[in-house]
């Protein structure tokens, strides 16, 4: 049951990323780009959660998951700061 939740979280963040990036392609609003890139990174992070907990139980991927999530949120934070200055 837990593996299904991890996969659903990954698919949800993938869908959010796809919708945000598609919105950016249509309207060229840069905040959509930053948000889409953030959700793309969160998709990778959620996939790493699944791989870490379900597939590779003997390997600890927590530092990689944490770095991926931090980088994704840093992209969004950079985008928010960049857009507020313009």
PDB file of N, CA and C in Angstrom:
ATOM      1  N   UNK A   1       0.815  -1.192   0.000  1.00  0.00           N
ATOM      2  CA  UNK A   1       0.000   0.000   0.000  1.00  0.00           C
ATOM      3  C   UNK A   1       0.864   1.263   0.000  1.00  0.00           C
ATOM      4  N   UNK A   2       1.951   1.231   0.757  1.00  0.00           N
ATOM      5  CA  UNK A   2       2.823   2.401   0.832  1.00  0.00           C
ATOM      6  C   UNK A   2       3.475   2.688  -0.514  1.00  0.00           C
ATOM      7  N   UNK A   3       3.820   1.633  -1.241  1.00  0.00           N
ATOM      8  CA  UNK A   3       4.446   1.842  -2.550  1.00  0.00           C
ATOM      9  C   UNK A   3       3.487   2.520  -3.521  1.00  0.00           C
ATOM     10  N   UNK A   4       2.204   2.225  -3.399  1.00  0.00           N
ATOM     11  CA  UNK A   4       1.212   2.882  -4.257  1.00  0.00           C
ATOM     12  C   UNK A   4       1.126   4.371  -3.937  1.00  0.00           C
ATOM     13  N   UNK A   5       1.238   4.717  -2.673  1.00  0.00           N
ATOM     14  CA  UNK A   5       1.199   6.128  -2.273  1.00  0.00           C
ATOM     15  C   UNK A   5       2.420   6.858  -2.815  1.00  0.00           C
ATOM     16  N   UNK A   6       3.598   6.229  -2.738  1.00  0.00           N
ATOM     17  CA  UNK A   6       4.811   6.848  -3.268  1.00  0.00           C
ATOM     18  C   UNK A   6       4.710   7.062  -4.769  1.00  0.00           C
ATOM     19  N   UNK A   7       4.177   6.087  -5.476  1.00  0.00           N
ATOM     20  CA  UNK A   7       4.008   6.230  -6.927  1.00  0.00           C
ATOM     21  C   UNK A   7       2.965   7.283  -7.274  1.00  0.00           C
ATOM     22  N   UNK A   8       1.885   7.337  -6.527  1.00  0.00           N
ATOM     23  CA  UNK A   8       0.871   8.367  -6.779  1.00  0.00           C
ATOM     24  C   UNK A   8       1.425   9.766  -6.532  1.00  0.00           C
ATOM     25  N   UNK A   9       2.260   9.918  -5.529  1.00  0.00           N
ATOM     26  CA  UNK A   9       2.884  11.220  -5.281  1.00  0.00           C
ATOM     27  C   UNK A   9       3.790  11.605  -6.438  1.00  0.00           C
ATOM     28  N   UNK A  10       4.531  10.642  -6.974  1.00  0.00           N
ATOM     29  CA  UNK A  10       5.411  10.924  -8.110  1.00  0.00           C
ATOM     30  C   UNK A  10       4.591  11.287  -9.351  1.00  0.00           C
ATOM     31  N   UNK A  11       3.530  10.558  -9.610  1.00  0.00           N
ATOM     32  CA  UNK A  11       2.700  10.854 -10.785  1.00  0.00           C
ATOM     33  C   UNK A  11       1.976  12.193 -10.636  1.00  0.00           C
ATOM     34  N   UNK A  12       1.574  12.521  -9.422  1.00  0.00           N
ATOM     35  CA  UNK A  12       0.909  13.807  -9.198  1.00  0.00           C
ATOM     36  C   UNK A  12       1.857  14.970  -9.443  1.00  0.00           C
ATOM     37  N   UNK A  13       3.072  14.864  -8.933  1.00  0.00           N
ATOM     38  CA  UNK A  13       4.030  15.947  -9.164  1.00  0.00           C
ATOM     39  C   UNK A  13       4.451  16.006 -10.631  1.00  0.00           C
ATOM     40  N   UNK A  14       4.474  14.862 -11.307  1.00  0.00           N
ATOM     41  CA  UNK A  14       4.757  14.857 -12.753  1.00  0.00           C
ATOM     42  C   UNK A  14       3.638  15.555 -13.519  1.00  0.00           C
ATOM     43  N   UNK A  15       2.395  15.296 -13.139  1.00  0.00           N
ATOM     44  CA  UNK A  15       1.271  15.946 -13.803  1.00  0.00           C
ATOM     45  C   UNK A  15       1.295  17.459 -13.554  1.00  0.00           C
ATOM     46  N   UNK A  16       1.595  17.857 -12.334  1.00  0.00           N
ATOM     47  CA  UNK A  16       1.695  19.292 -12.035  1.00  0.00           C
ATOM     48  C   UNK A  16       2.795  19.940 -12.858  1.00  0.00           C
ATOM     49  N   UNK A  17       3.930  19.271 -12.936  1.00  0.00           N
ATOM     50  CA  UNK A  17       5.040  19.806 -13.719  1.00  0.00           C
ATOM     51  C   UNK A  17       4.661  19.945 -15.189  1.00  0.00           C
ATOM     52  N   UNK A  18       4.024  18.929 -15.739  1.00  0.00           N
ATOM     53  CA  UNK A  18       3.633  18.970 -17.149  1.00  0.00           C
ATOM     54  C   UNK A  18       2.630  20.091 -17.415  1.00  0.00           C
ATOM     55  N   UNK A  19       1.660  20.251 -16.529  1.00  0.00           N
ATOM     56  CA  UNK A  19       0.665  21.302 -16.716  1.00  0.00           C
ATOM     57  C   UNK A  19       1.276  22.693 -16.579  1.00  0.00           C
ATOM     58  N   UNK A  20       2.168  22.869 -15.627  1.00  0.00           N
ATOM     59  CA  UNK A  20       2.814  24.170 -15.450  1.00  0.00           C
ATOM     60  C   UNK A  20       3.712  24.512 -16.636  1.00  0.00           C
ATOM     61  N   UNK A  21       4.471  23.534 -17.114  1.00  0.00           N
ATOM     62  CA  UNK A  21       5.350  23.802 -18.252  1.00  0.00           C
ATOM     63  C   UNK A  21       4.557  23.998 -19.541  1.00  0.00           C
ATOM     64  N   UNK A  22       3.435  23.318 -19.664  1.00  0.00           N
ATOM     65  CA  UNK A  22       2.574  23.542 -20.824  1.00  0.00           C
ATOM     66  C   UNK A  22       1.967  24.943 -20.777  1.00  0.00           C
ATOM     67  N   UNK A  23       1.583  25.375 -19.588  1.00  0.00           N
ATOM     68  CA  UNK A  23       1.081  26.741 -19.421  1.00  0.00           C
ATOM     69  C   UNK A  23       2.148  27.769 -19.757  1.00  0.00           C
ATOM     70  N   UNK A  24       3.391  27.472 -19.391  1.00  0.00           N
ATOM     71  CA  UNK A  24       4.479  28.381 -19.742  1.00  0.00           C
ATOM     72  C   UNK A  24       4.682  28.426 -21.253  1.00  0.00           C
ATOM     73  N   UNK A  25       4.594  27.291 -21.907  1.00  0.00           N
ATOM     74  CA  UNK A  25       4.779  27.253 -23.363  1.00  0.00           C
ATOM     75  C   UNK A  25       3.693  28.054 -24.078  1.00  0.00           C
ATOM     76  N   UNK A  26       2.511  28.086 -23.521  1.00  0.00           N
ATOM     77  CA  UNK A  26       1.415  28.834 -24.152  1.00  0.00           C
ATOM     78  C   UNK A  26       1.468  30.329 -23.868  1.00  0.00           C
ATOM     79  N   UNK A  27       1.753  30.687 -22.606  1.00  0.00           N
ATOM     80  CA  UNK A  27       1.618  32.085 -22.218  1.00  0.00           C
ATOM     81  C   UNK A  27       2.917  32.812 -21.947  1.00  0.00           C
ATOM     82  N   UNK A  28       4.031  32.079 -21.872  1.00  0.00           N
ATOM     83  CA  UNK A  28       5.352  32.663 -21.616  1.00  0.00           C
ATOM     84  C   UNK A  28       5.413  33.467 -20.319  1.00  0.00           C
ATOM     85  N   UNK A  29       4.699  33.006 -19.308  1.00  0.00           N
ATOM     86  CA  UNK A  29       4.804  33.602 -17.974  1.00  0.00           C
ATOM     87  C   UNK A  29       5.936  32.887 -17.250  1.00  0.00           C
ATOM     88  N   UNK A  30       6.958  33.637 -16.886  1.00  0.00           N
ATOM     89  CA  UNK A  30       8.158  32.999 -16.343  1.00  0.00           C
ATOM     90  C   UNK A  30       7.937  32.347 -14.992  1.00  0.00           C
ATOM     91  N   UNK A  31       6.979  32.811 -14.223  1.00  0.00           N
ATOM     92  CA  UNK A  31       6.701  32.177 -12.941  1.00  0.00           C
ATOM     93  C   UNK A  31       6.208  30.739 -13.139  1.00  0.00           C
ATOM     94  N   UNK A  32       5.498  30.507 -14.236  1.00  0.00           N
ATOM     95  CA  UNK A  32       5.089  29.132 -14.561  1.00  0.00           C
ATOM     96  C   UNK A  32       6.298  28.267 -14.869  1.00  0.00           C
ATOM     97  N   UNK A  33       7.302  28.844 -15.502  1.00  0.00           N
ATOM     98  CA  UNK A  33       8.523  28.095 -15.789  1.00  0.00           C
ATOM     99  C   UNK A  33       9.221  27.682 -14.500  1.00  0.00           C
ATOM    100  N   UNK A  34       9.398  28.641 -13.589  1.00  0.00           N
ATOM    101  CA  UNK A  34      10.076  28.319 -12.334  1.00  0.00           C
ATOM    102  C   UNK A  34       9.295  27.278 -11.534  1.00  0.00           C
ATOM    103  N   UNK A  35       7.987  27.417 -11.508  1.00  0.00           N
ATOM    104  CA  UNK A  35       7.165  26.449 -10.778  1.00  0.00           C
ATOM    105  C   UNK A  35       7.219  25.074 -11.434  1.00  0.00           C
ATOM    106  N   UNK A  36       7.191  25.042 -12.761  1.00  0.00           N
ATOM    107  CA  UNK A  36       7.280  23.772 -13.473  1.00  0.00           C
ATOM    108  C   UNK A  36       8.607  23.078 -13.256  1.00  0.00           C
ATOM    109  N   UNK A  37       9.689  23.855 -13.239  1.00  0.00           N
ATOM    110  CA  UNK A  37      11.003  23.265 -12.975  1.00  0.00           C
ATOM    111  C   UNK A  37      11.101  22.746 -11.542  1.00  0.00           C
ATOM    112  N   UNK A  38      10.492  23.463 -10.617  1.00  0.00           N
ATOM    113  CA  UNK A  38      10.466  23.003  -9.228  1.00  0.00           C
ATOM    114  C   UNK A  38       9.726  21.669  -9.123  1.00  0.00           C
ATOM    115  N   UNK A  39       8.577  21.584  -9.755  1.00  0.00           N
ATOM    116  CA  UNK A  39       7.818  20.334  -9.692  1.00  0.00           C
ATOM    117  C   UNK A  39       8.503  19.201 -10.451  1.00  0.00           C
ATOM    118  N   UNK A  40       9.270  19.529 -11.468  1.00  0.00           N
ATOM    119  CA  UNK A  40      10.053  18.487 -12.152  1.00  0.00           C
ATOM    120  C   UNK A  40      11.094  17.911 -11.192  1.00  0.00           C
ATOM    121  N   UNK A  41      11.736  18.775 -10.439  1.00  0.00           N
ATOM    122  CA  UNK A  41      12.684  18.298  -9.434  1.00  0.00           C
ATOM    123  C   UNK A  41      12.011  17.522  -8.326  1.00  0.00           C
ATOM    124  N   UNK A  42      10.823  17.957  -7.932  1.00  0.00           N
ATOM    125  CA  UNK A  42      10.087  17.220  -6.909  1.00  0.00           C
ATOM    126  C   UNK A  42       9.627  15.856  -7.427  1.00  0.00           C
ATOM    127  N   UNK A  43       9.391  15.768  -8.727  1.00  0.00           N
ATOM    128  CA  UNK A  43       9.074  14.467  -9.324  1.00  0.00           C
ATOM    129  C   UNK A  43      10.257  13.524  -9.183  1.00  0.00           C
ATOM    130  N   UNK A  44      11.436  14.030  -9.484  1.00  0.00           N
ATOM    131  CA  UNK A  44      12.649  13.222  -9.317  1.00  0.00           C
ATOM    132  C   UNK A  44      12.811  12.814  -7.859  1.00  0.00           C
ATOM    133  N   UNK A  45      12.570  13.735  -6.956  1.00  0.00           N
ATOM    134  CA  UNK A  45      12.678  13.432  -5.533  1.00  0.00           C
ATOM    135  C   UNK A  45      11.683  12.353  -5.112  1.00  0.00           C
ATOM    136  N   UNK A  46      10.453  12.444  -5.592  1.00  0.00           N
ATOM    137  CA  UNK A  46       9.452  11.427  -5.254  1.00  0.00           C
ATOM    138  C   UNK A  46       9.798  10.073  -5.853  1.00  0.00           C
ATOM    139  N   UNK A  47      10.382  10.067  -7.038  1.00  0.00           N
ATOM    140  CA  UNK A  47      10.837   8.798  -7.626  1.00  0.00           C
ATOM    141  C   UNK A  47      11.975   8.204  -6.800  1.00  0.00           C
ATOM    142  N   UNK A  48      12.844   9.070  -6.299  1.00  0.00           N
ATOM    143  CA  UNK A  48      13.922   8.584  -5.436  1.00  0.00           C
ATOM    144  C   UNK A  48      13.392   8.025  -4.116  1.00  0.00           C
ATOM    145  N   UNK A  49      12.318   8.594  -3.611  1.00  0.00           N
ATOM    146  CA  UNK A  49      11.687   8.040  -2.407  1.00  0.00           C
ATOM    147  C   UNK A  49      11.225   6.619  -2.683  1.00  0.00           C
ATOM    148  N   UNK A  50      10.570   6.407  -3.809  1.00  0.00           N
ATOM    149  CA  UNK A  50      10.098   5.069  -4.166  1.00  0.00           C
ATOM    150  C   UNK A  50      11.270   4.105  -4.310  1.00  0.00           C
ATOM    151  N   UNK A  51      12.299   4.538  -5.014  1.00  0.00           N
ATOM    152  CA  UNK A  51      13.463   3.663  -5.224  1.00  0.00           C
ATOM    153  C   UNK A  51      14.155   3.380  -3.896  1.00  0.00           C
ATOM    154  N   UNK A  52      14.283   4.377  -3.056  1.00  0.00           N
ATOM    155  CA  UNK A  52      14.980   4.219  -1.782  1.00  0.00           C
ATOM    156  C   UNK A  52      14.233   3.287  -0.833  1.00  0.00           C
ATOM    157  N   UNK A  53      12.943   3.481  -0.707  1.00  0.00           N
ATOM    158  CA  UNK A  53      12.191   2.740   0.308  1.00  0.00           C
ATOM    159  C   UNK A  53      11.689   1.393  -0.198  1.00  0.00           C
ATOM    160  N   UNK A  54      11.300   1.321  -1.466  1.00  0.00           N
ATOM    161  CA  UNK A  54      10.687   0.092  -1.967  1.00  0.00           C
ATOM    162  C   UNK A  54      11.686  -0.795  -2.712  1.00  0.00           C
ATOM    163  N   UNK A  55      12.472  -0.206  -3.612  1.00  0.00           N
ATOM    164  CA  UNK A  55      13.326  -1.015  -4.490  1.00  0.00           C
ATOM    165  C   UNK A  55      14.654  -1.356  -3.822  1.00  0.00           C
ATOM    166  N   UNK A  56      15.404  -0.349  -3.443  1.00  0.00           N
ATOM    167  CA  UNK A  56      16.734  -0.558  -2.857  1.00  0.00           C
ATOM    168  C   UNK A  56      16.667  -0.376  -1.351  1.00  0.00           C
ATOM    169  N   UNK A  57      16.341  -1.423  -0.657  1.00  0.00           N
ATOM    170  CA  UNK A  57      16.188  -1.302   0.788  1.00  0.00           C
ATOM    171  C   UNK A  57      17.525  -1.289   1.513  1.00  0.00           C
ATOM    172  N   UNK A  58      18.587  -1.749   0.870  1.00  0.00           N
ATOM    173  CA  UNK A  58      19.887  -1.813   1.544  1.00  0.00           C
ATOM    174  C   UNK A  58      20.717  -0.548   1.356  1.00  0.00           C
ATOM    175  N   UNK A  59      20.300   0.333   0.440  1.00  0.00           N
ATOM    176  CA  UNK A  59      21.047   1.552   0.153  1.00  0.00           C
ATOM    177  C   UNK A  59      20.258   2.743   0.704  1.00  0.00           C
ATOM    178  N   UNK A  60      20.959   3.661   1.343  1.00  0.00           N
ATOM    179  CA  UNK A  60      20.319   4.847   1.896  1.00  0.00           C
ATOM    180  C   UNK A  60      20.469   5.999   0.907  1.00  0.00           C
ATOM    181  N   UNK A  61      19.381   6.415   0.285  1.00  0.00           N
ATOM    182  CA  UNK A  61      19.380   7.521  -0.662  1.00  0.00           C
ATOM    183  C   UNK A  61      18.876   8.817  -0.048  1.00  0.00           C
ATOM    184  N   UNK A  62      18.786   8.862   1.270  1.00  0.00           N
ATOM    185  CA  UNK A  62      18.237  10.054   1.922  1.00  0.00           C
ATOM    186  C   UNK A  62      19.016  11.324   1.585  1.00  0.00           C
ATOM    187  N   UNK A  63      20.356  11.311   1.602  1.00  0.00           N
ATOM    188  CA  UNK A  63      21.062  12.557   1.258  1.00  0.00           C
ATOM    189  C   UNK A  63      20.791  13.009  -0.186  1.00  0.00           C
ATOM    190  N   UNK A  64      20.679  12.083  -1.105  1.00  0.00           N
ATOM    191  CA  UNK A  64      20.373  12.432  -2.497  1.00  0.00           C
ATOM    192  C   UNK A  64      18.954  12.964  -2.620  1.00  0.00           C
ATOM    193  N   UNK A  65      18.024  12.343  -1.914  1.00  0.00           N
ATOM    194  CA  UNK A  65      16.642  12.837  -1.924  1.00  0.00           C
ATOM    195  C   UNK A  65      16.554  14.234  -1.343  1.00  0.00           C
ATOM    196  N   UNK A  66      17.267  14.467  -0.249  1.00  0.00           N
ATOM    197  CA  UNK A  66      17.255  15.770   0.391  1.00  0.00           C
ATOM    198  C   UNK A  66      17.895  16.826  -0.507  1.00  0.00           C
ATOM    199  N   UNK A  67      18.978  16.479  -1.177  1.00  0.00           N
ATOM    200  CA  UNK A  67      19.641  17.424  -2.083  1.00  0.00           C
ATOM    201  C   UNK A  67      18.745  17.757  -3.275  1.00  0.00           C
ATOM    202  N   UNK A  68      18.046  16.775  -3.802  1.00  0.00           N
ATOM    203  CA  UNK A  68      17.147  17.003  -4.932  1.00  0.00           C
ATOM    204  C   UNK A  68      15.992  17.916  -4.538  1.00  0.00           C
ATOM    205  N   UNK A  69      15.411  17.665  -3.391  1.00  0.00           N
ATOM    206  CA  UNK A  69      14.313  18.506  -2.916  1.00  0.00           C
ATOM    207  C   UNK A  69      14.784  19.927  -2.631  1.00  0.00           C
ATOM    208  N   UNK A  70      15.952  20.049  -2.021  1.00  0.00           N
ATOM    209  CA  UNK A  70      16.498  21.374  -1.724  1.00  0.00           C
ATOM    210  C   UNK A  70      16.785  22.153  -2.996  1.00  0.00           C
ATOM    211  N   UNK A  71      17.363  21.492  -3.987  1.00  0.00           N
ATOM    212  CA  UNK A  71      17.651  22.159  -5.263  1.00  0.00           C
ATOM    213  C   UNK A  71      16.357  22.583  -5.960  1.00  0.00           C
ATOM    214  N   UNK A  72      15.342  21.751  -5.901  1.00  0.00           N
ATOM    215  CA  UNK A  72      14.062  22.086  -6.525  1.00  0.00           C
ATOM    216  C   UNK A  72      13.432  23.310  -5.874  1.00  0.00           C
ATOM    217  N   UNK A  73      13.432  23.335  -4.564  1.00  0.00           N
ATOM    218  CA  UNK A  73      12.856  24.484  -3.865  1.00  0.00           C
ATOM    219  C   UNK A  73      13.712  25.728  -4.033  1.00  0.00           C
ATOM    220  N   UNK A  74      15.020  25.546  -4.181  1.00  0.00           N
ATOM    221  CA  UNK A  74      15.897  26.691  -4.434  1.00  0.00           C
ATOM    222  C   UNK A  74      15.600  27.304  -5.802  1.00  0.00           C
ATOM    223  N   UNK A  75      15.284  26.469  -6.785  1.00  0.00           N
ATOM    224  CA  UNK A  75      14.901  26.976  -8.106  1.00  0.00           C
ATOM    225  C   UNK A  75      13.636  27.819  -8.002  1.00  0.00           C
ATOM    226  N   UNK A  76      12.653  27.327  -7.271  1.00  0.00           N
ATOM    227  CA  UNK A  76      11.412  28.086  -7.100  1.00  0.00           C
ATOM    228  C   UNK A  76      11.662  29.377  -6.328  1.00  0.00           C
ATOM    229  N   UNK A  77      12.455  29.318  -5.280  1.00  0.00           N
ATOM    230  CA  UNK A  77      12.769  30.518  -4.509  1.00  0.00           C
ATOM    231  C   UNK A  77      13.510  31.538  -5.365  1.00  0.00           C
ATOM    232  N   UNK A  78      14.458  31.082  -6.166  1.00  0.00           N
ATOM    233  CA  UNK A  78      15.174  31.985  -7.067  1.00  0.00           C
ATOM    234  C   UNK A  78      14.202  32.636  -8.046  1.00  0.00           C
ATOM    235  N   UNK A  79      13.293  31.843  -8.604  1.00  0.00           N
ATOM    236  CA  UNK A  79      12.320  32.378  -9.542  1.00  0.00           C
ATOM    237  C   UNK A  79      11.407  33.404  -8.911  1.00  0.00           C
ATOM    238  N   UNK A  80      10.975  33.143  -7.681  1.00  0.00           N
ATOM    239  CA  UNK A  80      10.116  34.100  -6.985  1.00  0.00           C
ATOM    240  C   UNK A  80      10.850  35.410  -6.705  1.00  0.00           C
ATOM    241  N   UNK A  81      12.100  35.312  -6.294  1.00  0.00           N
ATOM    242  CA  UNK A  81      12.880  36.524  -6.030  1.00  0.00           C
ATOM    243  C   UNK A  81      13.172  37.257  -7.315  1.00  0.00           C
ATOM    244  N   UNK A  82      13.514  36.519  -8.364  1.00  0.00           N
ATOM    245  CA  UNK A  82      13.836  37.129  -9.653  1.00  0.00           C
ATOM    246  C   UNK A  82      12.624  37.852 -10.229  1.00  0.00           C
ATOM    247  N   UNK A  83      11.454  37.247 -10.127  1.00  0.00           N
ATOM    248  CA  UNK A  83      10.244  37.842 -10.692  1.00  0.00           C
ATOM    249  C   UNK A  83       9.751  39.023  -9.863  1.00  0.00           C
ATOM    250  N   UNK A  84      10.019  39.030  -8.574  1.00  0.00           N
ATOM    251  CA  UNK A  84       9.555  40.147  -7.761  1.00  0.00           C
ATOM    252  C   UNK A  84      10.380  41.402  -8.022  1.00  0.00           C
ATOM    253  N   UNK A  85      11.602  41.251  -8.508  1.00  0.00           N
ATOM    254  CA  UNK A  85      12.462  42.382  -8.784  1.00  0.00           C
ATOM    255  C   UNK A  85      12.181  43.029 -10.134  1.00  0.00           C
ATOM    256  N   UNK A  86      11.398  42.400 -10.970  1.00  0.00           N
ATOM    257  CA  UNK A  86      11.150  42.943 -12.307  1.00  0.00           C
ATOM    258  C   UNK A  86       9.779  43.523 -12.441  1.00  0.00           C
TER     259      UNK A  86
END
